[in-house]
Amino acid sequence: MWTRGEDMGKYDALLASSLQGLGITFDGAQMVQLNAYIAELELWNPTYKLVGAQGDELITKHIIDSLSAVPTMLELLQTYGADAKIADLGSGAGLPGIPLAIALKDYNVTLVERMERRVGFLCNALATCRLTGRVSVLDKDLKEVDQTFDLITFRAFRPLYDILDLVKPILSDDGVVCAYKAQASSLAEELQKVESQCTCKWFHTEVPLEVPYLDAERMLCLLKKN
């Protein structure tokens, strides 16, 4: 029934331990979807160079790192209701968008990606993971997007000061940007440039993220339009 099913489950122990560390519970169907996505990444990564990690490092640095924001996002999404719309900008290999879509199973997610080759991978991954319908791919550049979203996220994308003026018109009036960031010092520099270079003013909050088995500083920068 599931393609490449022989690969599914080889990371289950690491995934289960990591999810427990994050306080996240996946049902059987979600675990099947997550394993199917991991299998797609491993299959196509040698050809498309989607991520720079393999094996357990792939799981920790990319899958679990993407899922580390789920508790914060769930709390935020409760304020918008069941019809809340989520967008992952510059989705690339589907990170963080596809793991988030699997975890946030009651919400619609749009993966925004302009590179044709990666769009093809995303569409195939959604079909393989049985996410097509609730999760969609928008093959446009950020400046061409004309929809609005309540929660906008991105990871390993362009600096905040380079995109927030483009994000402003597609973020709902009370929406929130959830930007995955690493070192606090680098984020502070980005925020200073946001203050001096962006036409729109933003309120920001920093939420520390603890990623199991990852010895590195990670955080989520939450931004709302002033």
C-alpha atoms as a PDB file:
ATOM      1  CA  MET A   1       0.000   0.000   0.000  1.00  0.00           C
ATOM      2  CA  TRP A   2       2.787   2.399   0.918  1.00  0.00           C
ATOM      3  CA  THR A   3       5.674   2.867  -1.522  1.00  0.00           C
ATOM      4  CA  ARG A   4       9.161   1.987  -0.295  1.00  0.00           C
ATOM      5  CA  GLY A   5       7.586   0.480   2.826  1.00  0.00           C
ATOM      6  CA  GLU A   6      10.707  -1.574   3.457  1.00  0.00           C
ATOM      7  CA  ASP A   7      12.488   1.610   4.584  1.00  0.00           C
ATOM      8  CA  MET A   8       9.790   2.619   7.043  1.00  0.00           C
ATOM      9  CA  GLY A   9      10.529   2.279  10.708  1.00  0.00           C
ATOM     10  CA  LYS A  10      14.324   2.210  10.737  1.00  0.00           C
ATOM     11  CA  TYR A  11      14.447   5.470  12.690  1.00  0.00           C
ATOM     12  CA  ASP A  12      11.445   4.727  14.913  1.00  0.00           C
ATOM     13  CA  ALA A  13      13.450   4.453  18.144  1.00  0.00           C
ATOM     14  CA  LEU A  14      15.187   7.795  17.577  1.00  0.00           C
ATOM     15  CA  LEU A  15      11.956   9.436  16.454  1.00  0.00           C
ATOM     16  CA  ALA A  16       9.971   8.089  19.413  1.00  0.00           C
ATOM     17  CA  SER A  17      12.577   9.230  21.929  1.00  0.00           C
ATOM     18  CA  SER A  18      12.858  12.663  20.294  1.00  0.00           C
ATOM     19  CA  LEU A  19       9.105  13.186  20.091  1.00  0.00           C
ATOM     20  CA  GLN A  20       8.774  12.231  23.741  1.00  0.00           C
ATOM     21  CA  GLY A  21      11.466  14.781  24.574  1.00  0.00           C
ATOM     22  CA  LEU A  22       9.463  17.436  22.755  1.00  0.00           C
ATOM     23  CA  GLY A  23       6.220  16.420  24.472  1.00  0.00           C
ATOM     24  CA  ILE A  24       4.634  15.513  21.116  1.00  0.00           C
ATOM     25  CA  THR A  25       2.477  12.437  20.496  1.00  0.00           C
ATOM     26  CA  PHE A  26       2.126  10.922  17.010  1.00  0.00           C
ATOM     27  CA  ASP A  27      -0.473   8.280  16.213  1.00  0.00           C
ATOM     28  CA  GLY A  28       0.287   5.339  13.936  1.00  0.00           C
ATOM     29  CA  ALA A  29      -0.862   7.113  10.797  1.00  0.00           C
ATOM     30  CA  GLN A  30       1.357  10.105  11.526  1.00  0.00           C
ATOM     31  CA  MET A  31       4.372   7.857  12.079  1.00  0.00           C
ATOM     32  CA  VAL A  32       3.725   6.175   8.731  1.00  0.00           C
ATOM     33  CA  GLN A  33       3.549   9.584   7.048  1.00  0.00           C
ATOM     34  CA  LEU A  34       6.729  10.786   8.726  1.00  0.00           C
ATOM     35  CA  ASN A  35       8.647   7.655   7.793  1.00  0.00           C
ATOM     36  CA  ALA A  36       7.392   7.905   4.210  1.00  0.00           C
ATOM     37  CA  TYR A  37       8.666  11.483   4.015  1.00  0.00           C
ATOM     38  CA  ILE A  38      12.053  10.504   5.434  1.00  0.00           C
ATOM     39  CA  ALA A  39      12.284   7.728   2.856  1.00  0.00           C
ATOM     40  CA  GLU A  40      11.586  10.232   0.064  1.00  0.00           C
ATOM     41  CA  LEU A  41      14.296  12.531   1.374  1.00  0.00           C
ATOM     42  CA  GLU A  42      16.807   9.703   1.491  1.00  0.00           C
ATOM     43  CA  LEU A  43      15.839   8.484  -1.975  1.00  0.00           C
ATOM     44  CA  TRP A  44      16.122  11.820  -3.760  1.00  0.00           C
ATOM     45  CA  ASN A  45      18.784  13.611  -1.719  1.00  0.00           C
ATOM     46  CA  PRO A  46      21.739  12.184  -3.682  1.00  0.00           C
ATOM     47  CA  THR A  47      20.213  13.540  -6.901  1.00  0.00           C
ATOM     48  CA  TYR A  48      18.676  16.824  -5.774  1.00  0.00           C
ATOM     49  CA  LYS A  49      21.039  17.704  -2.886  1.00  0.00           C
ATOM     50  CA  LEU A  50      18.066  18.560  -0.684  1.00  0.00           C
ATOM     51  CA  VAL A  51      19.794  18.471   2.706  1.00  0.00           C
ATOM     52  CA  GLY A  52      23.362  18.183   3.930  1.00  0.00           C
ATOM     53  CA  ALA A  53      22.895  15.342   6.391  1.00  0.00           C
ATOM     54  CA  GLN A  54      22.335  11.592   6.415  1.00  0.00           C
ATOM     55  CA  GLY A  55      21.191   8.901   8.834  1.00  0.00           C
ATOM     56  CA  ASP A  56      20.537   9.894  12.442  1.00  0.00           C
ATOM     57  CA  GLU A  57      21.937  13.360  11.726  1.00  0.00           C
ATOM     58  CA  LEU A  58      19.210  13.870   9.118  1.00  0.00           C
ATOM     59  CA  ILE A  59      16.582  12.990  11.710  1.00  0.00           C
ATOM     60  CA  THR A  60      17.951  15.233  14.461  1.00  0.00           C
ATOM     61  CA  LYS A  61      19.125  18.251  12.467  1.00  0.00           C
ATOM     62  CA  HIS A  62      16.189  18.446  10.086  1.00  0.00           C
ATOM     63  CA  ILE A  63      13.140  16.402  11.088  1.00  0.00           C
ATOM     64  CA  ILE A  64      13.201  16.886  14.857  1.00  0.00           C
ATOM     65  CA  ASP A  65      14.519  20.429  14.565  1.00  0.00           C
ATOM     66  CA  SER A  66      11.505  21.230  12.375  1.00  0.00           C
ATOM     67  CA  LEU A  67       9.144  19.620  14.883  1.00  0.00           C
ATOM     68  CA  SER A  68      10.640  21.419  17.886  1.00  0.00           C
ATOM     69  CA  ALA A  69       8.342  24.407  17.297  1.00  0.00           C
ATOM     70  CA  VAL A  70       5.129  22.355  17.314  1.00  0.00           C
ATOM     71  CA  PRO A  71       4.140  23.027  20.971  1.00  0.00           C
ATOM     72  CA  THR A  72       4.552  26.785  20.458  1.00  0.00           C
ATOM     73  CA  MET A  73       2.699  26.734  17.143  1.00  0.00           C
ATOM     74  CA  LEU A  74      -0.197  24.719  18.552  1.00  0.00           C
ATOM     75  CA  GLU A  75      -0.662  27.312  21.269  1.00  0.00           C
ATOM     76  CA  LEU A  76      -0.619  30.119  18.715  1.00  0.00           C
ATOM     77  CA  LEU A  77      -2.979  28.359  16.313  1.00  0.00           C
ATOM     78  CA  GLN A  78      -5.643  27.935  18.986  1.00  0.00           C
ATOM     79  CA  THR A  79      -6.230  31.690  18.811  1.00  0.00           C
ATOM     80  CA  TYR A  80      -7.082  31.497  15.093  1.00  0.00           C
ATOM     81  CA  GLY A  81      -9.470  28.548  15.138  1.00  0.00           C
ATOM     82  CA  ALA A  82      -9.783  25.487  12.913  1.00  0.00           C
ATOM     83  CA  ASP A  83      -9.627  27.506   9.687  1.00  0.00           C
ATOM     84  CA  ALA A  84      -6.155  28.886  10.397  1.00  0.00           C
ATOM     85  CA  LYS A  85      -3.892  28.897   7.347  1.00  0.00           C
ATOM     86  CA  ILE A  86      -0.187  28.095   7.583  1.00  0.00           C
ATOM     87  CA  ALA A  87       2.545  28.833   5.035  1.00  0.00           C
ATOM     88  CA  ASP A  88       6.129  27.584   4.838  1.00  0.00           C
ATOM     89  CA  LEU A  89       8.166  30.055   2.768  1.00  0.00           C
ATOM     90  CA  GLY A  90      11.083  28.816   0.697  1.00  0.00           C
ATOM     91  CA  SER A  91      10.049  25.281   1.607  1.00  0.00           C
ATOM     92  CA  GLY A  92      12.831  23.628  -0.407  1.00  0.00           C
ATOM     93  CA  ALA A  93      12.901  19.998   0.694  1.00  0.00           C
ATOM     94  CA  GLY A  94       9.698  20.518   2.697  1.00  0.00           C
ATOM     95  CA  LEU A  95      11.420  21.638   5.869  1.00  0.00           C
ATOM     96  CA  PRO A  96       9.852  22.565   8.181  1.00  0.00           C
ATOM     97  CA  GLY A  97       6.552  22.460   6.282  1.00  0.00           C
ATOM     98  CA  ILE A  98       5.994  18.730   5.763  1.00  0.00           C
ATOM     99  CA  PRO A  99       6.930  17.568   9.294  1.00  0.00           C
ATOM    100  CA  LEU A 100       4.794  20.415  10.655  1.00  0.00           C
ATOM    101  CA  ALA A 101       1.866  19.443   8.421  1.00  0.00           C
ATOM    102  CA  ILE A 102       2.082  15.863   9.704  1.00  0.00           C
ATOM    103  CA  ALA A 103       2.137  17.071  13.317  1.00  0.00           C
ATOM    104  CA  LEU A 104      -0.501  19.789  12.862  1.00  0.00           C
ATOM    105  CA  LYS A 105      -2.966  17.406  11.250  1.00  0.00           C
ATOM    106  CA  ASP A 106      -6.037  19.612  11.738  1.00  0.00           C
ATOM    107  CA  TYR A 107      -4.675  22.554   9.739  1.00  0.00           C
ATOM    108  CA  ASN A 108      -4.123  23.439   6.093  1.00  0.00           C
ATOM    109  CA  VAL A 109      -0.526  24.116   5.061  1.00  0.00           C
ATOM    110  CA  THR A 110       0.876  25.776   1.933  1.00  0.00           C
ATOM    111  CA  LEU A 111       4.459  25.121   0.860  1.00  0.00           C
ATOM    112  CA  VAL A 112       5.796  28.121  -1.078  1.00  0.00           C
ATOM    113  CA  GLU A 113       8.697  27.226  -3.369  1.00  0.00           C
ATOM    114  CA  ARG A 114       9.817  28.798  -6.644  1.00  0.00           C
ATOM    115  CA  MET A 115      12.468  26.298  -7.849  1.00  0.00           C
ATOM    116  CA  GLU A 116      10.886  23.868 -10.324  1.00  0.00           C
ATOM    117  CA  ARG A 117      12.967  20.843  -9.344  1.00  0.00           C
ATOM    118  CA  ARG A 118      12.120  21.245  -5.686  1.00  0.00           C
ATOM    119  CA  VAL A 119       8.455  21.853  -6.511  1.00  0.00           C
ATOM    120  CA  GLY A 120       8.461  18.472  -8.239  1.00  0.00           C
ATOM    121  CA  PHE A 121       9.973  16.808  -5.193  1.00  0.00           C
ATOM    122  CA  LEU A 122       7.433  18.451  -2.866  1.00  0.00           C
ATOM    123  CA  CYS A 123       4.447  17.382  -4.969  1.00  0.00           C
ATOM    124  CA  ASN A 124       5.726  13.820  -5.104  1.00  0.00           C
ATOM    125  CA  ALA A 125       6.423  13.770  -1.358  1.00  0.00           C
ATOM    126  CA  LEU A 126       2.919  15.021  -0.552  1.00  0.00           C
ATOM    127  CA  ALA A 127       1.386  12.287  -2.698  1.00  0.00           C
ATOM    128  CA  THR A 128       3.603   9.618  -1.123  1.00  0.00           C
ATOM    129  CA  CYS A 129       2.736  10.813   2.394  1.00  0.00           C
ATOM    130  CA  ARG A 130      -0.964  11.132   1.564  1.00  0.00           C
ATOM    131  CA  LEU A 131      -0.994  14.816   2.418  1.00  0.00           C
ATOM    132  CA  THR A 132      -2.274  16.079  -0.934  1.00  0.00           C
ATOM    133  CA  GLY A 133      -5.402  18.174  -0.431  1.00  0.00           C
ATOM    134  CA  ARG A 134      -4.769  19.437   3.079  1.00  0.00           C
ATOM    135  CA  VAL A 135      -1.237  20.436   2.105  1.00  0.00           C
ATOM    136  CA  SER A 136      -0.531  22.218  -1.181  1.00  0.00           C
ATOM    137  CA  VAL A 137       2.470  23.548  -3.085  1.00  0.00           C
ATOM    138  CA  LEU A 138       2.488  27.127  -4.365  1.00  0.00           C
ATOM    139  CA  ASP A 139       5.152  27.416  -7.050  1.00  0.00           C
ATOM    140  CA  LYS A 140       5.719  31.153  -6.844  1.00  0.00           C
ATOM    141  CA  ASP A 141       8.359  33.589  -5.704  1.00  0.00           C
ATOM    142  CA  LEU A 142       7.540  35.256  -2.398  1.00  0.00           C
ATOM    143  CA  LYS A 143       6.802  38.600  -4.048  1.00  0.00           C
ATOM    144  CA  GLU A 144       4.203  36.916  -6.289  1.00  0.00           C
ATOM    145  CA  VAL A 145       2.164  35.358  -3.470  1.00  0.00           C
ATOM    146  CA  ASP A 146      -1.280  36.942  -3.182  1.00  0.00           C
ATOM    147  CA  GLN A 147      -2.872  34.792  -0.469  1.00  0.00           C
ATOM    148  CA  THR A 148      -2.933  35.612   3.243  1.00  0.00           C
ATOM    149  CA  PHE A 149      -1.925  33.338   6.099  1.00  0.00           C
ATOM    150  CA  ASP A 150      -2.327  33.347   9.883  1.00  0.00           C
ATOM    151  CA  LEU A 151       0.978  31.637  10.636  1.00  0.00           C
ATOM    152  CA  ILE A 152       3.988  32.021   8.368  1.00  0.00           C
ATOM    153  CA  THR A 153       7.137  30.064   9.015  1.00  0.00           C
ATOM    154  CA  PHE A 154      10.509  29.489   7.383  1.00  0.00           C
ATOM    155  CA  ARG A 155      13.764  27.770   8.171  1.00  0.00           C
ATOM    156  CA  ALA A 156      17.193  28.360   6.592  1.00  0.00           C
ATOM    157  CA  PHE A 157      15.572  30.996   4.378  1.00  0.00           C
ATOM    158  CA  ARG A 158      16.550  34.582   3.669  1.00  0.00           C
ATOM    159  CA  PRO A 159      17.403  37.036   6.522  1.00  0.00           C
ATOM    160  CA  LEU A 160      14.480  38.703   8.270  1.00  0.00           C
ATOM    161  CA  TYR A 161      15.369  42.187   7.038  1.00  0.00           C
ATOM    162  CA  ASP A 162      15.378  40.902   3.460  1.00  0.00           C
ATOM    163  CA  ILE A 163      11.851  39.452   3.458  1.00  0.00           C
ATOM    164  CA  LEU A 164       9.628  41.008   6.138  1.00  0.00           C
ATOM    165  CA  ASP A 165       8.421  43.797   3.842  1.00  0.00           C
ATOM    166  CA  LEU A 166       7.342  41.062   1.412  1.00  0.00           C
ATOM    167  CA  VAL A 167       5.783  39.011   4.211  1.00  0.00           C
ATOM    168  CA  LYS A 168       3.710  41.892   5.564  1.00  0.00           C
ATOM    169  CA  PRO A 169       0.960  41.872   2.861  1.00  0.00           C
ATOM    170  CA  ILE A 170       0.465  38.090   3.016  1.00  0.00           C
ATOM    171  CA  LEU A 171       0.261  37.918   6.822  1.00  0.00           C
ATOM    172  CA  SER A 172      -3.217  38.316   8.289  1.00  0.00           C
ATOM    173  CA  ASP A 173      -3.759  41.390  10.467  1.00  0.00           C
ATOM    174  CA  ASP A 174      -3.321  39.441  13.707  1.00  0.00           C
ATOM    175  CA  GLY A 175      -1.084  36.766  12.202  1.00  0.00           C
ATOM    176  CA  VAL A 176       2.339  35.704  13.424  1.00  0.00           C
ATOM    177  CA  VAL A 177       5.661  34.938  11.757  1.00  0.00           C
ATOM    178  CA  CYS A 178       7.518  31.975  13.277  1.00  0.00           C
ATOM    179  CA  ALA A 179      11.117  32.137  12.082  1.00  0.00           C
ATOM    180  CA  TYR A 180      13.504  29.318  12.985  1.00  0.00           C
ATOM    181  CA  LYS A 181      16.834  30.799  14.057  1.00  0.00           C
ATOM    182  CA  ALA A 182      20.095  29.605  15.566  1.00  0.00           C
ATOM    183  CA  GLN A 183      22.407  31.831  17.608  1.00  0.00           C
ATOM    184  CA  ALA A 184      20.944  34.679  19.629  1.00  0.00           C
ATOM    185  CA  SER A 185      23.767  37.014  18.595  1.00  0.00           C
ATOM    186  CA  SER A 186      23.030  36.504  14.882  1.00  0.00           C
ATOM    187  CA  LEU A 187      19.314  37.021  15.469  1.00  0.00           C
ATOM    188  CA  ALA A 188      20.016  40.249  17.362  1.00  0.00           C
ATOM    189  CA  GLU A 189      21.945  41.557  14.355  1.00  0.00           C
ATOM    190  CA  GLU A 190      19.083  40.632  12.024  1.00  0.00           C
ATOM    191  CA  LEU A 191      16.539  42.372  14.236  1.00  0.00           C
ATOM    192  CA  GLN A 192      18.636  45.537  14.335  1.00  0.00           C
ATOM    193  CA  LYS A 193      18.596  45.602  10.544  1.00  0.00           C
ATOM    194  CA  VAL A 194      14.844  44.944  10.543  1.00  0.00           C
ATOM    195  CA  GLU A 195      14.430  48.053  12.691  1.00  0.00           C
ATOM    196  CA  SER A 196      16.557  50.224  10.413  1.00  0.00           C
ATOM    197  CA  GLN A 197      15.742  48.815   6.959  1.00  0.00           C
ATOM    198  CA  CYS A 198      12.152  47.513   6.928  1.00  0.00           C
ATOM    199  CA  THR A 199       9.294  49.900   6.229  1.00  0.00           C
ATOM    200  CA  CYS A 200       6.937  48.002   8.552  1.00  0.00           C
ATOM    201  CA  LYS A 201       7.556  47.877  12.303  1.00  0.00           C
ATOM    202  CA  TRP A 202       7.362  44.553  14.115  1.00  0.00           C
ATOM    203  CA  PHE A 203       6.919  43.298  17.668  1.00  0.00           C
ATOM    204  CA  HIS A 204       9.131  40.288  18.352  1.00  0.00           C
ATOM    205  CA  THR A 205       9.470  37.576  20.990  1.00  0.00           C
ATOM    206  CA  GLU A 206      12.151  34.907  21.213  1.00  0.00           C
ATOM    207  CA  VAL A 207      11.231  31.365  22.255  1.00  0.00           C
ATOM    208  CA  PRO A 208      14.140  29.009  23.081  1.00  0.00           C
ATOM    209  CA  LEU A 209      13.865  25.593  21.431  1.00  0.00           C
ATOM    210  CA  GLU A 210      15.319  22.414  22.899  1.00  0.00           C
ATOM    211  CA  VAL A 211      16.035  19.865  20.161  1.00  0.00           C
ATOM    212  CA  PRO A 212      16.733  16.384  21.595  1.00  0.00           C
ATOM    213  CA  TYR A 213      20.212  15.066  20.756  1.00  0.00           C
ATOM    214  CA  LEU A 214      21.246  18.361  19.132  1.00  0.00           C
ATOM    215  CA  ASP A 215      23.988  20.259  20.941  1.00  0.00           C
ATOM    216  CA  ALA A 216      23.340  23.638  19.358  1.00  0.00           C
ATOM    217  CA  GLU A 217      21.461  26.820  20.149  1.00  0.00           C
ATOM    218  CA  ARG A 218      18.042  26.965  18.489  1.00  0.00           C
ATOM    219  CA  MET A 219      15.159  29.379  18.873  1.00  0.00           C
ATOM    220  CA  LEU A 220      11.944  30.558  17.334  1.00  0.00           C
ATOM    221  CA  CYS A 221      11.544  34.261  16.649  1.00  0.00           C
ATOM    222  CA  LEU A 222       7.889  35.284  16.754  1.00  0.00           C
ATOM    223  CA  LEU A 223       7.013  38.498  14.931  1.00  0.00           C
ATOM    224  CA  LYS A 224       3.745  40.414  14.719  1.00  0.00           C
ATOM    225  CA  LYS A 225       2.988  43.556  12.748  1.00  0.00           C
ATOM    226  CA  ASN A 226       3.081  46.700  14.852  1.00  0.00           C
END
